[in-house]
Amino acid sequence: MSIAVTRVFFLLLIGCASTGHVIAQALYLPSVYKASFGDGFKTDKYKTGYYDRYQDADNLVGVEYSRNHFQMGDWYSKGNQVSVVSKNTDQSGTTKNLTVGYNTLETVNALWTADASYSKRLHEKTTAEITYNRDRVEVQQSLMTRVVANNYNVSVEQAILAAMKMQFTLGETRYTDGNHRPLAKIKMTYDVLPEQGVNLQLRSRYFKNTDTGVTSGYFNPYRFVENIAAIEFNRAVSSWNLSANVGYGRQAGGDDAKTLAKAFEFSATKPIANRIYIKAKAGYFRSLGYNGPDFIYRYVSEDVIVVF
């Protein structure tokens, strides 16, 4: 399918029409995402792309290519993905995002992936969002046995006070190995120092698994609960938008004793200046993931987009 035909298809599919702003083209320069886990599993992803309609990071249409590498001890696997991407946010705040990718692992194990979201303000104080994601389960055993996860979520964010909002999320992950994982999440945010960009957060999540006997390598206790208190800082410094989030809490899986949960994340974003957009992120988590209930996950990533 040509880029021109693909562009028309996505414009019709999710309404990514011009908003009257200047639409340019852009190159997604080769960027990198690196992650390491406490059990020794490592992920390296390299991405590049071209956008034939680019307004900003939230309004674009284009094609992306990524090269993915996975390693665990002496085991190694690699693959590629080509994706068509469309993002649109209109003046009312309605957001429509869709990415459809063709993913291969070791050149023969092909999979269609998807990442979609639709967010709309229902009321002055209420916003609803629907999301869907389909992708590989990125742990060694699941990659070897071709396990795929389909994630469905619905969330509602409600402003309680001028400085306080609550977000409620219900969803389910359906694994192709037969296991289903219904989940519920609650997040409360309080802007304690809004002029300084400081807010406090309480985050809670709970899920259960319908089949704890699967042998796909990901963490699947019959139930899991996590509660985290966090503080977030958002500041603009010399045209850079800086954000830092520091959280501590407790978590428990199955009948195991509660363990410490940590979540640290930092990002630096420079909006288009001299027609260049830059974003860098880094994170450290000691919390639940596919690999276990008490594991360490670290990552760094960078994105550079040049507009012309």
C-alpha atoms as a PDB file:
ATOM      1  CA  MET A   1       0.000   0.000   0.000  1.00  0.00           C
ATOM      2  CA  SER A   2       1.515   3.374  -0.988  1.00  0.00           C
ATOM      3  CA  ILE A   3       2.102   6.126   1.566  1.00  0.00           C
ATOM      4  CA  ALA A   4      -0.479   8.330  -0.192  1.00  0.00           C
ATOM      5  CA  VAL A   5      -3.199   5.657  -0.034  1.00  0.00           C
ATOM      6  CA  THR A   6      -2.331   4.848   3.575  1.00  0.00           C
ATOM      7  CA  ARG A   7      -2.566   8.509   4.478  1.00  0.00           C
ATOM      8  CA  VAL A   8      -6.067   8.826   2.984  1.00  0.00           C
ATOM      9  CA  PHE A   9      -7.167   5.634   4.756  1.00  0.00           C
ATOM     10  CA  PHE A  10      -6.175   6.928   8.180  1.00  0.00           C
ATOM     11  CA  LEU A  11      -7.573  10.398   7.596  1.00  0.00           C
ATOM     12  CA  LEU A  12     -10.958   8.815   6.917  1.00  0.00           C
ATOM     13  CA  LEU A  13     -10.658   6.248   9.697  1.00  0.00           C
ATOM     14  CA  ILE A  14      -9.969   8.534  12.648  1.00  0.00           C
ATOM     15  CA  GLY A  15     -10.704  11.997  11.314  1.00  0.00           C
ATOM     16  CA  CYS A  16      -7.196  13.372  11.273  1.00  0.00           C
ATOM     17  CA  ALA A  17      -8.177  16.456   9.305  1.00  0.00           C
ATOM     18  CA  SER A  18      -6.378  19.777   9.199  1.00  0.00           C
ATOM     19  CA  THR A  19      -7.212  22.124  12.052  1.00  0.00           C
ATOM     20  CA  GLY A  20      -6.196  25.234  10.173  1.00  0.00           C
ATOM     21  CA  HIS A  21      -2.637  25.187  11.500  1.00  0.00           C
ATOM     22  CA  VAL A  22       0.354  24.925   9.203  1.00  0.00           C
ATOM     23  CA  ILE A  23       0.963  21.280   8.277  1.00  0.00           C
ATOM     24  CA  ALA A  24       4.569  20.357   7.510  1.00  0.00           C
ATOM     25  CA  GLN A  25       6.577  17.188   6.942  1.00  0.00           C
ATOM     26  CA  ALA A  26       9.006  15.685   9.426  1.00  0.00           C
ATOM     27  CA  LEU A  27      11.714  13.073   9.856  1.00  0.00           C
ATOM     28  CA  TYR A  28      11.877  10.908  12.959  1.00  0.00           C
ATOM     29  CA  LEU A  29      15.648  10.624  13.338  1.00  0.00           C
ATOM     30  CA  PRO A  30      17.063   7.264  14.489  1.00  0.00           C
ATOM     31  CA  SER A  31      16.091   7.015  18.164  1.00  0.00           C
ATOM     32  CA  VAL A  32      16.729   4.458  20.857  1.00  0.00           C
ATOM     33  CA  TYR A  33      14.954   2.764  23.769  1.00  0.00           C
ATOM     34  CA  LYS A  34      16.986   0.568  26.122  1.00  0.00           C
ATOM     35  CA  ALA A  35      15.617  -1.416  29.061  1.00  0.00           C
ATOM     36  CA  SER A  36      17.089  -3.921  31.506  1.00  0.00           C
ATOM     37  CA  PHE A  37      15.376  -6.112  34.073  1.00  0.00           C
ATOM     38  CA  GLY A  38      16.489  -7.578  37.375  1.00  0.00           C
ATOM     39  CA  ASP A  39      16.423 -11.127  35.995  1.00  0.00           C
ATOM     40  CA  GLY A  40      18.911 -10.279  33.225  1.00  0.00           C
ATOM     41  CA  PHE A  41      16.427  -9.774  30.370  1.00  0.00           C
ATOM     42  CA  LYS A  42      17.390  -6.859  28.088  1.00  0.00           C
ATOM     43  CA  THR A  43      15.513  -5.007  25.365  1.00  0.00           C
ATOM     44  CA  ASP A  44      16.962  -2.621  22.772  1.00  0.00           C
ATOM     45  CA  LYS A  45      14.684  -0.881  20.270  1.00  0.00           C
ATOM     46  CA  TYR A  46      15.803   1.467  17.505  1.00  0.00           C
ATOM     47  CA  LYS A  47      13.215   3.518  15.641  1.00  0.00           C
ATOM     48  CA  THR A  48      13.040   5.956  12.746  1.00  0.00           C
ATOM     49  CA  GLY A  49      10.255   7.313  10.564  1.00  0.00           C
ATOM     50  CA  TYR A  50       8.758   9.846   8.175  1.00  0.00           C
ATOM     51  CA  TYR A  51       5.613  11.965   8.707  1.00  0.00           C
ATOM     52  CA  ASP A  52       4.025  13.453   5.605  1.00  0.00           C
ATOM     53  CA  ARG A  53       1.636  15.495   7.805  1.00  0.00           C
ATOM     54  CA  TYR A  54       3.171  16.959  10.958  1.00  0.00           C
ATOM     55  CA  GLN A  55       1.816  19.755  13.124  1.00  0.00           C
ATOM     56  CA  ASP A  56       3.250  18.731  16.500  1.00  0.00           C
ATOM     57  CA  ALA A  57       3.830  15.577  18.566  1.00  0.00           C
ATOM     58  CA  ASP A  58       0.052  15.159  19.041  1.00  0.00           C
ATOM     59  CA  ASN A  59      -1.007  15.802  15.430  1.00  0.00           C
ATOM     60  CA  LEU A  60       0.709  13.759  12.732  1.00  0.00           C
ATOM     61  CA  VAL A  61       0.353  11.054  10.064  1.00  0.00           C
ATOM     62  CA  GLY A  62       3.248   8.926   8.879  1.00  0.00           C
ATOM     63  CA  VAL A  63       5.225   5.697   8.813  1.00  0.00           C
ATOM     64  CA  GLU A  64       7.656   4.365  11.434  1.00  0.00           C
ATOM     65  CA  TYR A  65      10.224   1.549  11.338  1.00  0.00           C
ATOM     66  CA  SER A  66      11.737  -0.123  14.389  1.00  0.00           C
ATOM     67  CA  ARG A  67      14.437  -2.744  14.920  1.00  0.00           C
ATOM     68  CA  ASN A  68      13.988  -4.764  18.119  1.00  0.00           C
ATOM     69  CA  HIS A  69      16.569  -6.835  20.016  1.00  0.00           C
ATOM     70  CA  PHE A  70      15.913  -9.143  22.997  1.00  0.00           C
ATOM     71  CA  GLN A  71      18.538 -10.918  25.101  1.00  0.00           C
ATOM     72  CA  MET A  72      18.584 -13.199  28.148  1.00  0.00           C
ATOM     73  CA  GLY A  73      21.943 -14.781  28.955  1.00  0.00           C
ATOM     74  CA  ASP A  74      23.029 -16.762  25.882  1.00  0.00           C
ATOM     75  CA  TRP A  75      19.564 -16.501  24.300  1.00  0.00           C
ATOM     76  CA  TYR A  76      19.074 -13.787  21.684  1.00  0.00           C
ATOM     77  CA  SER A  77      16.298 -12.801  19.288  1.00  0.00           C
ATOM     78  CA  LYS A  78      15.647  -9.881  16.969  1.00  0.00           C
ATOM     79  CA  GLY A  79      12.873  -8.547  14.794  1.00  0.00           C
ATOM     80  CA  ASN A  80      11.439  -5.613  12.850  1.00  0.00           C
ATOM     81  CA  GLN A  81       8.241  -3.609  12.756  1.00  0.00           C
ATOM     82  CA  VAL A  82       6.780  -1.264  10.142  1.00  0.00           C
ATOM     83  CA  SER A  83       3.893   0.880  11.412  1.00  0.00           C
ATOM     84  CA  VAL A  84       1.448   3.420  10.048  1.00  0.00           C
ATOM     85  CA  VAL A  85       0.793   6.114  12.668  1.00  0.00           C
ATOM     86  CA  SER A  86      -1.945   8.726  12.979  1.00  0.00           C
ATOM     87  CA  LYS A  87      -2.474  11.128  15.895  1.00  0.00           C
ATOM     88  CA  ASN A  88      -4.967  13.968  16.203  1.00  0.00           C
ATOM     89  CA  THR A  89      -6.040  16.308  19.001  1.00  0.00           C
ATOM     90  CA  ASP A  90      -8.683  18.899  18.097  1.00  0.00           C
ATOM     91  CA  GLN A  91      -9.472  22.242  19.713  1.00  0.00           C
ATOM     92  CA  SER A  92     -12.061  20.692  22.040  1.00  0.00           C
ATOM     93  CA  GLY A  93      -9.448  18.322  23.452  1.00  0.00           C
ATOM     94  CA  THR A  94     -10.772  15.190  21.736  1.00  0.00           C
ATOM     95  CA  THR A  95      -7.838  12.874  21.024  1.00  0.00           C
ATOM     96  CA  LYS A  96      -7.724  10.086  18.432  1.00  0.00           C
ATOM     97  CA  ASN A  97      -4.586   7.974  18.068  1.00  0.00           C
ATOM     98  CA  LEU A  98      -4.033   4.836  16.007  1.00  0.00           C
ATOM     99  CA  THR A  99      -0.918   2.816  15.184  1.00  0.00           C
ATOM    100  CA  VAL A 100      -1.065  -0.399  13.161  1.00  0.00           C
ATOM    101  CA  GLY A 101       2.149  -2.366  12.731  1.00  0.00           C
ATOM    102  CA  TYR A 102       3.467  -5.449  10.953  1.00  0.00           C
ATOM    103  CA  ASN A 103       5.898  -7.090  13.370  1.00  0.00           C
ATOM    104  CA  THR A 104       8.299  -9.940  12.623  1.00  0.00           C
ATOM    105  CA  LEU A 105      10.521 -11.927  14.978  1.00  0.00           C
ATOM    106  CA  GLU A 106      13.421 -13.839  13.421  1.00  0.00           C
ATOM    107  CA  THR A 107      11.961 -12.911   9.983  1.00  0.00           C
ATOM    108  CA  VAL A 108       9.247 -15.607  10.031  1.00  0.00           C
ATOM    109  CA  ASN A 109       7.131 -15.087  13.161  1.00  0.00           C
ATOM    110  CA  ALA A 110       4.794 -12.357  11.864  1.00  0.00           C
ATOM    111  CA  LEU A 111       2.207 -10.470  13.909  1.00  0.00           C
ATOM    112  CA  TRP A 112      -0.144  -7.548  13.287  1.00  0.00           C
ATOM    113  CA  THR A 113       0.122  -5.143  16.230  1.00  0.00           C
ATOM    114  CA  ALA A 114      -2.120  -2.239  17.172  1.00  0.00           C
ATOM    115  CA  ASP A 115      -2.211   0.655  19.596  1.00  0.00           C
ATOM    116  CA  ALA A 116      -5.360   2.810  19.629  1.00  0.00           C
ATOM    117  CA  SER A 117      -6.962   5.360  21.927  1.00  0.00           C
ATOM    118  CA  TYR A 118      -9.949   7.709  21.857  1.00  0.00           C
ATOM    119  CA  SER A 119     -10.378  10.401  24.504  1.00  0.00           C
ATOM    120  CA  LYS A 120     -13.252  12.893  24.731  1.00  0.00           C
ATOM    121  CA  ARG A 121     -14.427  15.489  27.237  1.00  0.00           C
ATOM    122  CA  LEU A 122     -17.949  14.507  28.274  1.00  0.00           C
ATOM    123  CA  HIS A 123     -18.476  17.469  30.573  1.00  0.00           C
ATOM    124  CA  GLU A 124     -16.517  20.467  31.788  1.00  0.00           C
ATOM    125  CA  LYS A 125     -15.144  18.287  34.597  1.00  0.00           C
ATOM    126  CA  THR A 126     -15.332  14.810  33.042  1.00  0.00           C
ATOM    127  CA  THR A 127     -13.158  13.116  30.419  1.00  0.00           C
ATOM    128  CA  ALA A 128     -13.490   9.528  29.170  1.00  0.00           C
ATOM    129  CA  GLU A 129     -10.937   7.410  27.306  1.00  0.00           C
ATOM    130  CA  ILE A 130     -10.987   4.036  25.547  1.00  0.00           C
ATOM    131  CA  THR A 131      -7.713   2.263  24.706  1.00  0.00           C
ATOM    132  CA  TYR A 132      -6.700  -0.935  22.940  1.00  0.00           C
ATOM    133  CA  ASN A 133      -3.256  -2.474  22.523  1.00  0.00           C
ATOM    134  CA  ARG A 134      -2.121  -5.688  20.843  1.00  0.00           C
ATOM    135  CA  ASP A 135       1.521  -6.760  21.033  1.00  0.00           C
ATOM    136  CA  ARG A 136       3.927  -9.528  21.927  1.00  0.00           C
ATOM    137  CA  VAL A 137       4.557 -10.394  25.576  1.00  0.00           C
ATOM    138  CA  GLU A 138       8.200  -9.401  25.857  1.00  0.00           C
ATOM    139  CA  VAL A 139       9.696 -12.074  28.103  1.00  0.00           C
ATOM    140  CA  GLN A 140      11.879 -14.906  26.835  1.00  0.00           C
ATOM    141  CA  GLN A 141       9.428 -17.795  27.161  1.00  0.00           C
ATOM    142  CA  SER A 142       6.503 -15.840  25.684  1.00  0.00           C
ATOM    143  CA  LEU A 143       8.593 -14.626  22.762  1.00  0.00           C
ATOM    144  CA  MET A 144       9.695 -18.206  22.060  1.00  0.00           C
ATOM    145  CA  THR A 145       6.126 -19.564  22.225  1.00  0.00           C
ATOM    146  CA  ARG A 146       4.572 -16.549  20.422  1.00  0.00           C
ATOM    147  CA  VAL A 147       2.278 -15.380  23.215  1.00  0.00           C
ATOM    148  CA  VAL A 148       0.352 -12.189  22.381  1.00  0.00           C
ATOM    149  CA  ALA A 149      -1.474  -9.850  24.778  1.00  0.00           C
ATOM    150  CA  ASN A 150      -4.640  -7.935  23.845  1.00  0.00           C
ATOM    151  CA  ASN A 151      -5.310  -5.083  26.288  1.00  0.00           C
ATOM    152  CA  TYR A 152      -8.711  -3.353  26.597  1.00  0.00           C
ATOM    153  CA  ASN A 153      -9.244  -0.384  28.942  1.00  0.00           C
ATOM    154  CA  VAL A 154     -11.916   2.208  29.696  1.00  0.00           C
ATOM    155  CA  SER A 155     -11.170   5.134  32.008  1.00  0.00           C
ATOM    156  CA  VAL A 156     -13.021   8.177  33.332  1.00  0.00           C
ATOM    157  CA  GLU A 157     -11.308  11.223  34.821  1.00  0.00           C
ATOM    158  CA  GLN A 158     -13.401  13.458  37.063  1.00  0.00           C
ATOM    159  CA  ALA A 159     -12.443  16.834  38.546  1.00  0.00           C
ATOM    160  CA  ILE A 160     -13.510  16.734  42.201  1.00  0.00           C
ATOM    161  CA  LEU A 161     -12.211  20.159  43.214  1.00  0.00           C
ATOM    162  CA  ALA A 162     -10.396  22.906  41.379  1.00  0.00           C
ATOM    163  CA  ALA A 163      -7.079  21.325  42.380  1.00  0.00           C
ATOM    164  CA  MET A 164      -8.107  17.661  42.631  1.00  0.00           C
ATOM    165  CA  LYS A 165      -9.081  14.996  40.102  1.00  0.00           C
ATOM    166  CA  MET A 166      -9.757  11.264  40.169  1.00  0.00           C
ATOM    167  CA  GLN A 167      -9.224   8.728  37.400  1.00  0.00           C
ATOM    168  CA  PHE A 168     -10.959   5.328  37.386  1.00  0.00           C
ATOM    169  CA  THR A 169      -9.902   2.566  34.976  1.00  0.00           C
ATOM    170  CA  LEU A 170     -11.383  -0.853  34.241  1.00  0.00           C
ATOM    171  CA  GLY A 171      -9.843  -3.233  31.757  1.00  0.00           C
ATOM    172  CA  GLU A 172      -8.713  -6.695  30.822  1.00  0.00           C
ATOM    173  CA  THR A 173      -5.668  -8.317  29.263  1.00  0.00           C
ATOM    174  CA  ARG A 174      -6.391 -11.402  27.183  1.00  0.00           C
ATOM    175  CA  TYR A 175      -3.367 -13.581  26.515  1.00  0.00           C
ATOM    176  CA  THR A 176      -3.323 -16.011  23.616  1.00  0.00           C
ATOM    177  CA  ASP A 177      -2.167 -18.757  26.009  1.00  0.00           C
ATOM    178  CA  GLY A 178      -5.711 -18.756  27.444  1.00  0.00           C
ATOM    179  CA  ASN A 179      -5.145 -16.600  30.528  1.00  0.00           C
ATOM    180  CA  HIS A 180      -7.311 -13.504  31.115  1.00  0.00           C
ATOM    181  CA  ARG A 181      -6.376 -10.669  33.484  1.00  0.00           C
ATOM    182  CA  PRO A 182      -9.208  -8.295  34.551  1.00  0.00           C
ATOM    183  CA  LEU A 183      -7.917  -5.175  36.288  1.00  0.00           C
ATOM    184  CA  ALA A 184      -9.003  -2.014  38.100  1.00  0.00           C
ATOM    185  CA  LYS A 185      -6.986   1.159  38.739  1.00  0.00           C
ATOM    186  CA  ILE A 186      -7.603   4.365  40.665  1.00  0.00           C
ATOM    187  CA  LYS A 187      -5.456   7.492  40.547  1.00  0.00           C
ATOM    188  CA  MET A 188      -5.983  10.672  42.572  1.00  0.00           C
ATOM    189  CA  THR A 189      -4.023  13.835  41.757  1.00  0.00           C
ATOM    190  CA  TYR A 190      -3.904  16.946  43.943  1.00  0.00           C
ATOM    191  CA  ASP A 191      -2.206  20.123  42.678  1.00  0.00           C
ATOM    192  CA  VAL A 192      -0.671  21.140  45.969  1.00  0.00           C
ATOM    193  CA  LEU A 193       1.460  23.937  44.430  1.00  0.00           C
ATOM    194  CA  PRO A 194      -0.001  24.564  40.967  1.00  0.00           C
ATOM    195  CA  GLU A 195       2.079  27.651  40.197  1.00  0.00           C
ATOM    196  CA  GLN A 196       5.239  25.685  40.946  1.00  0.00           C
ATOM    197  CA  GLY A 197       4.023  22.636  39.018  1.00  0.00           C
ATOM    198  CA  VAL A 198       3.934  20.325  42.050  1.00  0.00           C
ATOM    199  CA  ASN A 199       1.244  17.700  42.577  1.00  0.00           C
ATOM    200  CA  LEU A 200       0.687  14.739  44.890  1.00  0.00           C
ATOM    201  CA  GLN A 201      -0.631  11.400  43.652  1.00  0.00           C
ATOM    202  CA  LEU A 202      -2.171   8.263  45.106  1.00  0.00           C
ATOM    203  CA  ARG A 203      -2.181   5.302  42.708  1.00  0.00           C
ATOM    204  CA  SER A 204      -3.794   1.934  43.301  1.00  0.00           C
ATOM    205  CA  ARG A 205      -4.228  -1.076  41.027  1.00  0.00           C
ATOM    206  CA  TYR A 206      -5.644  -4.557  41.399  1.00  0.00           C
ATOM    207  CA  PHE A 207      -5.874  -7.497  39.033  1.00  0.00           C
ATOM    208  CA  LYS A 208      -6.416 -11.231  39.045  1.00  0.00           C
ATOM    209  CA  ASN A 209      -5.524 -14.025  36.624  1.00  0.00           C
ATOM    210  CA  THR A 210      -7.968 -16.661  35.463  1.00  0.00           C
ATOM    211  CA  ASP A 211      -5.282 -19.297  34.752  1.00  0.00           C
ATOM    212  CA  THR A 212      -2.229 -19.370  37.013  1.00  0.00           C
ATOM    213  CA  GLY A 213      -1.013 -22.620  35.487  1.00  0.00           C
ATOM    214  CA  VAL A 214       0.202 -21.236  32.153  1.00  0.00           C
ATOM    215  CA  THR A 215       3.937 -21.576  31.515  1.00  0.00           C
ATOM    216  CA  SER A 216       4.528 -18.480  29.388  1.00  0.00           C
ATOM    217  CA  GLY A 217       7.136 -16.914  31.670  1.00  0.00           C
ATOM    218  CA  TYR A 218       5.257 -13.808  32.811  1.00  0.00           C
ATOM    219  CA  PHE A 219       4.206 -13.139  36.412  1.00  0.00           C
ATOM    220  CA  ASN A 220       0.655 -14.396  36.963  1.00  0.00           C
ATOM    221  CA  PRO A 221      -0.447 -14.800  40.598  1.00  0.00           C
ATOM    222  CA  TYR A 222      -4.140 -15.402  41.173  1.00  0.00           C
ATOM    223  CA  ARG A 223      -4.400 -11.816  42.447  1.00  0.00           C
ATOM    224  CA  PHE A 224      -2.201  -8.724  42.798  1.00  0.00           C
ATOM    225  CA  VAL A 225      -2.576  -5.377  44.569  1.00  0.00           C
ATOM    226  CA  GLU A 226      -0.327  -2.303  44.603  1.00  0.00           C
ATOM    227  CA  ASN A 227      -0.645   1.106  46.303  1.00  0.00           C
ATOM    228  CA  ILE A 228       1.802   3.957  45.653  1.00  0.00           C
ATOM    229  CA  ALA A 229       2.056   7.548  46.917  1.00  0.00           C
ATOM    230  CA  ALA A 230       3.978   9.882  44.618  1.00  0.00           C
ATOM    231  CA  ILE A 231       5.042  13.471  44.145  1.00  0.00           C
ATOM    232  CA  GLU A 232       5.448  15.005  40.702  1.00  0.00           C
ATOM    233  CA  PHE A 233       7.327  18.130  39.626  1.00  0.00           C
ATOM    234  CA  ASN A 234       6.693  19.916  36.309  1.00  0.00           C
ATOM    235  CA  ARG A 235       8.764  22.962  35.368  1.00  0.00           C
ATOM    236  CA  ALA A 236       9.707  24.937  32.274  1.00  0.00           C
ATOM    237  CA  VAL A 237      13.416  25.790  32.209  1.00  0.00           C
ATOM    238  CA  SER A 238      15.033  27.592  29.261  1.00  0.00           C
ATOM    239  CA  SER A 239      12.386  26.351  26.784  1.00  0.00           C
ATOM    240  CA  TRP A 240      12.645  22.779  28.135  1.00  0.00           C
ATOM    241  CA  ASN A 241       9.639  21.138  29.808  1.00  0.00           C
ATOM    242  CA  LEU A 242      10.971  19.040  32.685  1.00  0.00           C
ATOM    243  CA  SER A 243       8.977  16.444  34.625  1.00  0.00           C
ATOM    244  CA  ALA A 244       9.964  14.185  37.521  1.00  0.00           C
ATOM    245  CA  ASN A 245       7.806  11.662  39.381  1.00  0.00           C
ATOM    246  CA  VAL A 246       8.918   9.877  42.563  1.00  0.00           C
ATOM    247  CA  GLY A 247       6.718   7.214  44.119  1.00  0.00           C
ATOM    248  CA  TYR A 248       6.902   4.708  46.982  1.00  0.00           C
ATOM    249  CA  GLY A 249       4.400   2.108  48.106  1.00  0.00           C
ATOM    250  CA  ARG A 250       3.564  -1.514  48.859  1.00  0.00           C
ATOM    251  CA  GLN A 251       2.557  -4.442  46.683  1.00  0.00           C
ATOM    252  CA  ALA A 252       1.548  -8.078  47.146  1.00  0.00           C
ATOM    253  CA  GLY A 253       0.960 -10.955  44.742  1.00  0.00           C
ATOM    254  CA  GLY A 254      -1.067 -14.030  45.618  1.00  0.00           C
ATOM    255  CA  ASP A 255      -0.597 -14.944  49.268  1.00  0.00           C
ATOM    256  CA  ASP A 256       2.963 -13.590  49.406  1.00  0.00           C
ATOM    257  CA  ALA A 257       3.994 -10.965  51.948  1.00  0.00           C
ATOM    258  CA  LYS A 258       3.887  -7.317  50.909  1.00  0.00           C
ATOM    259  CA  THR A 259       7.040  -5.892  49.346  1.00  0.00           C
ATOM    260  CA  LEU A 260       8.347  -2.399  48.622  1.00  0.00           C
ATOM    261  CA  ALA A 261       7.329  -0.734  45.354  1.00  0.00           C
ATOM    262  CA  LYS A 262       9.367   2.136  43.884  1.00  0.00           C
ATOM    263  CA  ALA A 263       8.722   4.198  40.766  1.00  0.00           C
ATOM    264  CA  PHE A 264      11.046   6.994  39.604  1.00  0.00           C
ATOM    265  CA  GLU A 265      10.623   8.642  36.220  1.00  0.00           C
ATOM    266  CA  PHE A 266      12.128  11.732  34.576  1.00  0.00           C
ATOM    267  CA  SER A 267      11.452  13.333  31.198  1.00  0.00           C
ATOM    268  CA  ALA A 268      12.759  16.388  29.355  1.00  0.00           C
ATOM    269  CA  THR A 269      10.929  17.730  26.307  1.00  0.00           C
ATOM    270  CA  LYS A 270      11.869  20.598  24.032  1.00  0.00           C
ATOM    271  CA  PRO A 271       8.984  21.688  21.767  1.00  0.00           C
ATOM    272  CA  ILE A 272       9.677  22.691  18.206  1.00  0.00           C
ATOM    273  CA  ALA A 273      12.447  25.289  18.225  1.00  0.00           C
ATOM    274  CA  ASN A 274      14.342  25.879  15.028  1.00  0.00           C
ATOM    275  CA  ARG A 275      12.091  23.092  13.703  1.00  0.00           C
ATOM    276  CA  ILE A 276      13.465  20.387  16.026  1.00  0.00           C
ATOM    277  CA  TYR A 277      11.501  18.429  18.666  1.00  0.00           C
ATOM    278  CA  ILE A 278      13.470  16.562  21.346  1.00  0.00           C
ATOM    279  CA  LYS A 279      12.271  14.261  24.115  1.00  0.00           C
ATOM    280  CA  ALA A 280      14.378  12.228  26.542  1.00  0.00           C
ATOM    281  CA  LYS A 281      13.093   9.904  29.278  1.00  0.00           C
ATOM    282  CA  ALA A 282      14.574   7.703  31.976  1.00  0.00           C
ATOM    283  CA  GLY A 283      12.958   5.519  34.601  1.00  0.00           C
ATOM    284  CA  TYR A 284      13.656   3.120  37.461  1.00  0.00           C
ATOM    285  CA  PHE A 285      10.951   0.809  38.780  1.00  0.00           C
ATOM    286  CA  ARG A 286      10.908  -1.824  41.485  1.00  0.00           C
ATOM    287  CA  SER A 287       7.423  -3.112  41.037  1.00  0.00           C
ATOM    288  CA  LEU A 288       5.323  -5.596  39.111  1.00  0.00           C
ATOM    289  CA  GLY A 289       6.061  -6.454  35.531  1.00  0.00           C
ATOM    290  CA  TYR A 290       5.896  -9.501  33.328  1.00  0.00           C
ATOM    291  CA  ASN A 291       9.034 -10.823  35.027  1.00  0.00           C
ATOM    292  CA  GLY A 292       7.968 -11.010  38.673  1.00  0.00           C
ATOM    293  CA  PRO A 293       6.390  -9.338  41.682  1.00  0.00           C
ATOM    294  CA  ASP A 294       9.574  -7.755  43.011  1.00  0.00           C
ATOM    295  CA  PHE A 295      11.845  -6.988  40.109  1.00  0.00           C
ATOM    296  CA  ILE A 296      13.950  -4.047  38.963  1.00  0.00           C
ATOM    297  CA  TYR A 297      13.262  -2.376  35.629  1.00  0.00           C
ATOM    298  CA  ARG A 298      15.361   0.466  34.206  1.00  0.00           C
ATOM    299  CA  TYR A 299      14.999   2.265  30.894  1.00  0.00           C
ATOM    300  CA  VAL A 300      16.268   5.230  28.904  1.00  0.00           C
ATOM    301  CA  SER A 301      14.885   6.599  25.635  1.00  0.00           C
ATOM    302  CA  GLU A 302      15.278   9.552  23.310  1.00  0.00           C
ATOM    303  CA  ASP A 303      13.276  10.918  20.394  1.00  0.00           C
ATOM    304  CA  VAL A 304      14.345  13.583  17.899  1.00  0.00           C
ATOM    305  CA  ILE A 305      12.022  14.890  15.170  1.00  0.00           C
ATOM    306  CA  VAL A 306      13.141  17.380  12.513  1.00  0.00           C
ATOM    307  CA  VAL A 307      10.392  19.378  10.765  1.00  0.00           C
ATOM    308  CA  PHE A 308      10.759  20.705   7.229  1.00  0.00           C
END
